[in-house]
Structures are given as structure tokens and as C-alpha cells.
Amino acid sequence: MNDTILTIIGNTTADVELRYTQNGKPVASGTIASTPRTFDRQANEWKDGDALFMRFSIWGPAAEQAAGSLSKGTRVIATGRLKQRSFQDKDGQNRTVIELDVDEIGPSL
């Protein structure tokens, strides 16, 4: 099965969170908010579409670098693979989420 590769540009919604697995491997996670904009020729102005909130995680040394340099509101560009994960929430309900397993992330200039 082929991975679905995605590149997203947006703003971090909070400081990137860093934690370590039981094996000591660093992993950072956060959320990127991306809002599409289109130009309305009749109104002669830009209009925002509905925001997409994409959870992401990044592993290894890049996780420590991301957590140390990306804070709330930072405009970023990230590329990685979409992953689907299923789990049971605290109420015992089955949930499925789609997250971005990031290969590269950094400030969008």
C-alpha cells in the first residue's frame, strides 16, 4: 500500500509539545491550522474558507528541534504521510483520527 504524502502550510495552534517514549525516543506533536483563501472578484476581496486543523507528530532529533523552535502562531510548512489511528476514548467509545506523520517541518517564509 502506498502512503498518502501531504504538504500543509498553516499556523501552529499551540507550542509544539515534546515527550519521550519508554525507550527514550523523542516525539513532538501539535496542530497546524490551515485556512484556504480565495479571491472574490465581485467583492474584490480575499475570503477565508473553512479552517482545517491537522494533528501532527515528528520523531527523533527533529522532534527536539521542532519543539525548541516552533511556538504558538508560527507559520509553518510541513510534509509527511497521512496516518489513520483508531483508539477507545475514556468513555469506551471507538474513535478514529487522521494525523500527519511529519518528515520535514519548518517556518514558512
N, C-alpha and C. Protein backbone atom coordinates (compact mmCIF):
# COMPACT_ATOMS: atom_id res chain seq x y z
N MET A 1 0.84 -1.18 0.00
CA MET A 1 0.00 0.00 0.00
C MET A 1 0.89 1.24 0.00
N ASN A 2 0.55 2.22 -0.83
CA ASN A 2 1.31 3.45 -0.91
C ASN A 2 0.86 4.43 0.15
N ASP A 3 1.82 5.17 0.69
CA ASP A 3 1.50 6.21 1.66
C ASP A 3 0.90 7.41 0.94
N THR A 4 0.04 8.13 1.64
CA THR A 4 -0.50 9.38 1.12
C THR A 4 0.37 10.51 1.65
N ILE A 5 1.09 11.17 0.74
CA ILE A 5 2.00 12.26 1.11
C ILE A 5 1.23 13.58 1.04
N LEU A 6 1.43 14.41 2.06
CA LEU A 6 0.72 15.68 2.14
C LEU A 6 1.69 16.78 2.55
N THR A 7 1.55 17.94 1.92
CA THR A 7 2.26 19.14 2.36
C THR A 7 1.21 20.15 2.79
N ILE A 8 1.39 20.72 3.97
CA ILE A 8 0.42 21.66 4.52
C ILE A 8 1.15 22.92 4.98
N ILE A 9 0.52 24.06 4.73
CA ILE A 9 1.04 25.35 5.20
C ILE A 9 -0.03 25.95 6.10
N GLY A 10 0.38 26.40 7.27
CA GLY A 10 -0.56 26.99 8.21
C GLY A 10 0.15 27.49 9.45
N ASN A 11 -0.61 27.72 10.50
CA ASN A 11 -0.06 28.22 11.75
C ASN A 11 -0.24 27.19 12.86
N THR A 12 0.77 27.07 13.72
CA THR A 12 0.65 26.19 14.87
C THR A 12 -0.37 26.79 15.84
N THR A 13 -1.21 25.94 16.41
CA THR A 13 -2.27 26.44 17.29
C THR A 13 -1.82 26.54 18.74
N ALA A 14 -0.67 25.96 19.06
CA ALA A 14 -0.09 26.00 20.41
C ALA A 14 1.39 25.67 20.28
N ASP A 15 2.14 25.85 21.37
CA ASP A 15 3.54 25.43 21.36
C ASP A 15 3.60 23.94 21.06
N VAL A 16 4.60 23.53 20.28
CA VAL A 16 4.79 22.12 19.98
C VAL A 16 5.19 21.40 21.26
N GLU A 17 4.55 20.27 21.54
CA GLU A 17 4.79 19.52 22.78
C GLU A 17 5.80 18.41 22.54
N LEU A 18 6.79 18.32 23.42
CA LEU A 18 7.82 17.29 23.32
C LEU A 18 7.66 16.29 24.46
N ARG A 19 7.76 15.00 24.12
CA ARG A 19 7.77 13.95 25.14
C ARG A 19 8.73 12.87 24.67
N TYR A 20 8.95 11.90 25.53
CA TYR A 20 9.86 10.80 25.21
C TYR A 20 9.15 9.47 25.42
N THR A 21 9.38 8.53 24.50
CA THR A 21 8.79 7.20 24.65
C THR A 21 9.50 6.47 25.78
N GLN A 22 8.99 5.29 26.14
CA GLN A 22 9.63 4.49 27.20
C GLN A 22 11.05 4.11 26.82
N ASN A 23 11.33 4.05 25.52
CA ASN A 23 12.68 3.73 25.04
C ASN A 23 13.57 4.96 24.95
N GLY A 24 13.04 6.12 25.31
CA GLY A 24 13.82 7.36 25.29
C GLY A 24 13.83 8.08 23.96
N LYS A 25 13.00 7.65 23.01
CA LYS A 25 12.97 8.30 21.70
C LYS A 25 12.10 9.55 21.77
N PRO A 26 12.62 10.70 21.31
CA PRO A 26 11.82 11.94 21.36
C PRO A 26 10.73 11.95 20.29
N VAL A 27 9.58 12.48 20.67
CA VAL A 27 8.48 12.69 19.73
C VAL A 27 7.81 14.03 20.08
N ALA A 28 7.61 14.85 19.07
CA ALA A 28 6.94 16.14 19.27
C ALA A 28 5.62 16.09 18.53
N SER A 29 4.63 16.80 19.07
CA SER A 29 3.32 16.81 18.42
C SER A 29 2.67 18.18 18.58
N GLY A 30 1.71 18.41 17.72
CA GLY A 30 0.99 19.67 17.76
C GLY A 30 -0.11 19.67 16.72
N THR A 31 -0.65 20.86 16.47
CA THR A 31 -1.72 21.02 15.49
C THR A 31 -1.39 22.20 14.59
N ILE A 32 -1.63 22.02 13.30
CA ILE A 32 -1.47 23.09 12.31
C ILE A 32 -2.86 23.47 11.82
N ALA A 33 -3.17 24.77 11.86
CA ALA A 33 -4.43 25.28 11.31
C ALA A 33 -4.14 25.88 9.94
N SER A 34 -4.83 25.39 8.93
CA SER A 34 -4.63 25.87 7.57
C SER A 34 -5.97 26.36 7.02
N THR A 35 -6.00 27.62 6.61
CA THR A 35 -7.24 28.22 6.11
C THR A 35 -7.06 28.60 4.64
N PRO A 36 -7.84 27.98 3.75
CA PRO A 36 -7.74 28.35 2.34
C PRO A 36 -8.33 29.74 2.11
N ARG A 37 -7.73 30.47 1.16
CA ARG A 37 -8.24 31.80 0.82
C ARG A 37 -8.50 31.84 -0.68
N THR A 38 -9.60 32.44 -1.04
CA THR A 38 -9.93 32.62 -2.46
C THR A 38 -10.28 34.08 -2.70
N PHE A 39 -10.02 34.51 -3.91
CA PHE A 39 -10.32 35.90 -4.25
C PHE A 39 -11.71 35.98 -4.87
N ASP A 40 -12.57 36.78 -4.26
CA ASP A 40 -13.93 37.01 -4.76
C ASP A 40 -13.87 38.22 -5.69
N ARG A 41 -13.96 37.96 -6.99
CA ARG A 41 -13.83 39.05 -7.97
C ARG A 41 -14.97 40.06 -7.87
N GLN A 42 -16.17 39.58 -7.55
CA GLN A 42 -17.31 40.51 -7.46
C GLN A 42 -17.15 41.46 -6.28
N ALA A 43 -16.68 40.94 -5.15
CA ALA A 43 -16.49 41.78 -3.96
C ALA A 43 -15.11 42.44 -3.96
N ASN A 44 -14.23 41.98 -4.87
CA ASN A 44 -12.87 42.49 -4.98
C ASN A 44 -12.10 42.38 -3.66
N GLU A 45 -12.23 41.18 -3.04
CA GLU A 45 -11.54 40.95 -1.77
C GLU A 45 -11.25 39.46 -1.58
N TRP A 46 -10.30 39.19 -0.70
CA TRP A 46 -9.97 37.82 -0.35
C TRP A 46 -10.95 37.34 0.72
N LYS A 47 -11.35 36.06 0.61
CA LYS A 47 -12.26 35.47 1.60
C LYS A 47 -11.66 34.19 2.13
N ASP A 48 -11.78 34.02 3.45
CA ASP A 48 -11.28 32.81 4.09
C ASP A 48 -12.30 31.69 3.97
N GLY A 49 -11.79 30.48 3.72
CA GLY A 49 -12.64 29.30 3.72
C GLY A 49 -12.65 28.68 5.11
N ASP A 50 -13.13 27.46 5.21
CA ASP A 50 -13.17 26.75 6.48
C ASP A 50 -11.77 26.25 6.84
N ALA A 51 -11.37 26.45 8.07
CA ALA A 51 -10.04 26.03 8.53
C ALA A 51 -9.97 24.51 8.67
N LEU A 52 -8.81 23.96 8.33
CA LEU A 52 -8.50 22.55 8.55
C LEU A 52 -7.52 22.49 9.70
N PHE A 53 -7.81 21.69 10.71
CA PHE A 53 -6.92 21.51 11.85
C PHE A 53 -6.31 20.12 11.75
N MET A 54 -5.00 20.07 11.49
CA MET A 54 -4.31 18.80 11.28
C MET A 54 -3.33 18.53 12.43
N ARG A 55 -3.60 17.44 13.16
CA ARG A 55 -2.66 17.00 14.20
C ARG A 55 -1.43 16.43 13.51
N PHE A 56 -0.26 16.61 14.12
CA PHE A 56 0.96 16.06 13.54
C PHE A 56 1.87 15.54 14.64
N SER A 57 2.79 14.67 14.23
CA SER A 57 3.85 14.21 15.13
C SER A 57 5.13 14.09 14.30
N ILE A 58 6.25 14.29 14.97
CA ILE A 58 7.56 14.17 14.34
C ILE A 58 8.48 13.50 15.35
N TRP A 59 9.35 12.61 14.87
CA TRP A 59 10.15 11.75 15.74
C TRP A 59 11.64 12.04 15.63
N GLY A 60 12.38 11.59 16.63
CA GLY A 60 13.84 11.64 16.62
C GLY A 60 14.38 13.03 16.91
N PRO A 61 15.63 13.27 16.48
CA PRO A 61 16.26 14.57 16.75
C PRO A 61 15.46 15.75 16.20
N ALA A 62 14.77 15.55 15.09
CA ALA A 62 13.95 16.63 14.53
C ALA A 62 12.83 17.04 15.49
N ALA A 63 12.36 16.10 16.31
CA ALA A 63 11.31 16.40 17.29
C ALA A 63 11.82 17.42 18.31
N GLU A 64 13.03 17.22 18.78
CA GLU A 64 13.60 18.16 19.76
C GLU A 64 13.82 19.53 19.13
N GLN A 65 14.26 19.56 17.88
CA GLN A 65 14.46 20.83 17.19
C GLN A 65 13.13 21.55 16.96
N ALA A 66 12.11 20.79 16.55
CA ALA A 66 10.79 21.40 16.31
C ALA A 66 10.22 21.97 17.60
N ALA A 67 10.32 21.21 18.69
CA ALA A 67 9.77 21.68 19.97
C ALA A 67 10.52 22.90 20.47
N GLY A 68 11.80 23.00 20.16
CA GLY A 68 12.59 24.14 20.61
C GLY A 68 12.43 25.39 19.77
N SER A 69 11.86 25.25 18.58
CA SER A 69 11.81 26.41 17.69
C SER A 69 10.42 26.80 17.20
N LEU A 70 9.42 25.94 17.39
CA LEU A 70 8.08 26.25 16.89
C LEU A 70 7.13 26.52 18.04
N SER A 71 6.66 27.74 18.12
CA SER A 71 5.75 28.13 19.20
C SER A 71 4.38 28.47 18.62
N LYS A 72 3.44 28.74 19.49
CA LYS A 72 2.07 29.06 19.07
C LYS A 72 2.08 30.21 18.07
N GLY A 73 1.35 30.01 16.97
CA GLY A 73 1.21 31.06 15.97
C GLY A 73 2.28 31.07 14.90
N THR A 74 3.29 30.20 15.01
CA THR A 74 4.34 30.15 14.00
C THR A 74 3.77 29.65 12.67
N ARG A 75 4.04 30.40 11.60
CA ARG A 75 3.62 29.94 10.27
C ARG A 75 4.62 28.89 9.81
N VAL A 76 4.10 27.69 9.49
CA VAL A 76 4.97 26.56 9.15
C VAL A 76 4.55 25.92 7.83
N ILE A 77 5.50 25.19 7.26
CA ILE A 77 5.23 24.30 6.15
C ILE A 77 5.71 22.92 6.60
N ALA A 78 4.85 21.93 6.43
CA ALA A 78 5.18 20.58 6.87
C ALA A 78 4.81 19.59 5.78
N THR A 79 5.63 18.56 5.63
CA THR A 79 5.32 17.50 4.69
C THR A 79 5.51 16.16 5.39
N GLY A 80 4.65 15.23 5.05
CA GLY A 80 4.73 13.92 5.68
C GLY A 80 3.66 12.99 5.14
N ARG A 81 3.42 11.92 5.88
CA ARG A 81 2.48 10.88 5.47
C ARG A 81 1.24 10.90 6.35
N LEU A 82 0.08 10.81 5.73
CA LEU A 82 -1.16 10.73 6.49
C LEU A 82 -1.27 9.35 7.11
N LYS A 83 -1.63 9.31 8.38
CA LYS A 83 -1.80 8.05 9.10
C LYS A 83 -3.16 8.05 9.78
N GLN A 84 -3.83 6.92 9.73
CA GLN A 84 -5.10 6.74 10.43
C GLN A 84 -4.85 5.91 11.66
N ARG A 85 -5.42 6.34 12.79
CA ARG A 85 -5.23 5.64 14.06
C ARG A 85 -6.58 5.50 14.75
N SER A 86 -6.83 4.30 15.27
CA SER A 86 -8.07 4.03 16.00
C SER A 86 -7.76 3.77 17.46
N PHE A 87 -8.66 4.19 18.34
CA PHE A 87 -8.46 4.00 19.78
C PHE A 87 -9.81 4.08 20.48
N GLN A 88 -9.82 3.73 21.76
CA GLN A 88 -11.01 3.91 22.59
C GLN A 88 -10.79 5.12 23.49
N ASP A 89 -11.78 6.01 23.53
CA ASP A 89 -11.65 7.17 24.40
C ASP A 89 -11.97 6.78 25.84
N LYS A 90 -11.90 7.77 26.73
CA LYS A 90 -12.09 7.48 28.16
C LYS A 90 -13.48 6.96 28.49
N ASP A 91 -14.44 7.20 27.58
CA ASP A 91 -15.81 6.71 27.78
C ASP A 91 -16.04 5.36 27.11
N GLY A 92 -14.98 4.78 26.54
CA GLY A 92 -15.09 3.48 25.90
C GLY A 92 -15.60 3.52 24.47
N GLN A 93 -15.73 4.73 23.91
CA GLN A 93 -16.19 4.87 22.53
C GLN A 93 -15.02 4.68 21.57
N ASN A 94 -15.25 3.97 20.48
CA ASN A 94 -14.22 3.80 19.45
C ASN A 94 -14.09 5.08 18.65
N ARG A 95 -12.87 5.53 18.47
CA ARG A 95 -12.58 6.76 17.73
C ARG A 95 -11.52 6.47 16.67
N THR A 96 -11.57 7.24 15.60
CA THR A 96 -10.56 7.16 14.55
C THR A 96 -10.12 8.58 14.23
N VAL A 97 -8.81 8.79 14.15
CA VAL A 97 -8.27 10.10 13.81
C VAL A 97 -7.29 9.95 12.65
N ILE A 98 -7.14 11.03 11.91
CA ILE A 98 -6.14 11.08 10.84
C ILE A 98 -5.13 12.13 11.26
N GLU A 99 -3.85 11.74 11.24
CA GLU A 99 -2.76 12.62 11.66
C GLU A 99 -1.68 12.64 10.59
N LEU A 100 -0.82 13.64 10.65
CA LEU A 100 0.30 13.76 9.73
C LEU A 100 1.57 13.31 10.44
N ASP A 101 2.19 12.26 9.93
CA ASP A 101 3.48 11.77 10.43
C ASP A 101 4.55 12.55 9.65
N VAL A 102 5.08 13.60 10.27
CA VAL A 102 5.90 14.60 9.59
C VAL A 102 7.30 14.08 9.29
N ASP A 103 7.74 14.33 8.06
CA ASP A 103 9.12 14.08 7.66
C ASP A 103 9.95 15.36 7.80
N GLU A 104 9.36 16.48 7.41
CA GLU A 104 10.04 17.79 7.45
C GLU A 104 9.05 18.85 7.92
N ILE A 105 9.52 19.76 8.79
CA ILE A 105 8.69 20.89 9.23
C ILE A 105 9.61 22.07 9.53
N GLY A 106 9.14 23.25 9.20
CA GLY A 106 9.92 24.44 9.49
C GLY A 106 9.11 25.69 9.22
N PRO A 107 9.67 26.85 9.53
CA PRO A 107 8.96 28.10 9.28
C PRO A 107 8.67 28.29 7.80
N SER A 108 7.50 28.80 7.49
CA SER A 108 7.14 29.12 6.11
C SER A 108 7.44 30.60 5.89
N LEU A 109 8.35 30.86 5.02
CA LEU A 109 8.73 32.25 4.75
C LEU A 109 8.01 32.75 3.53
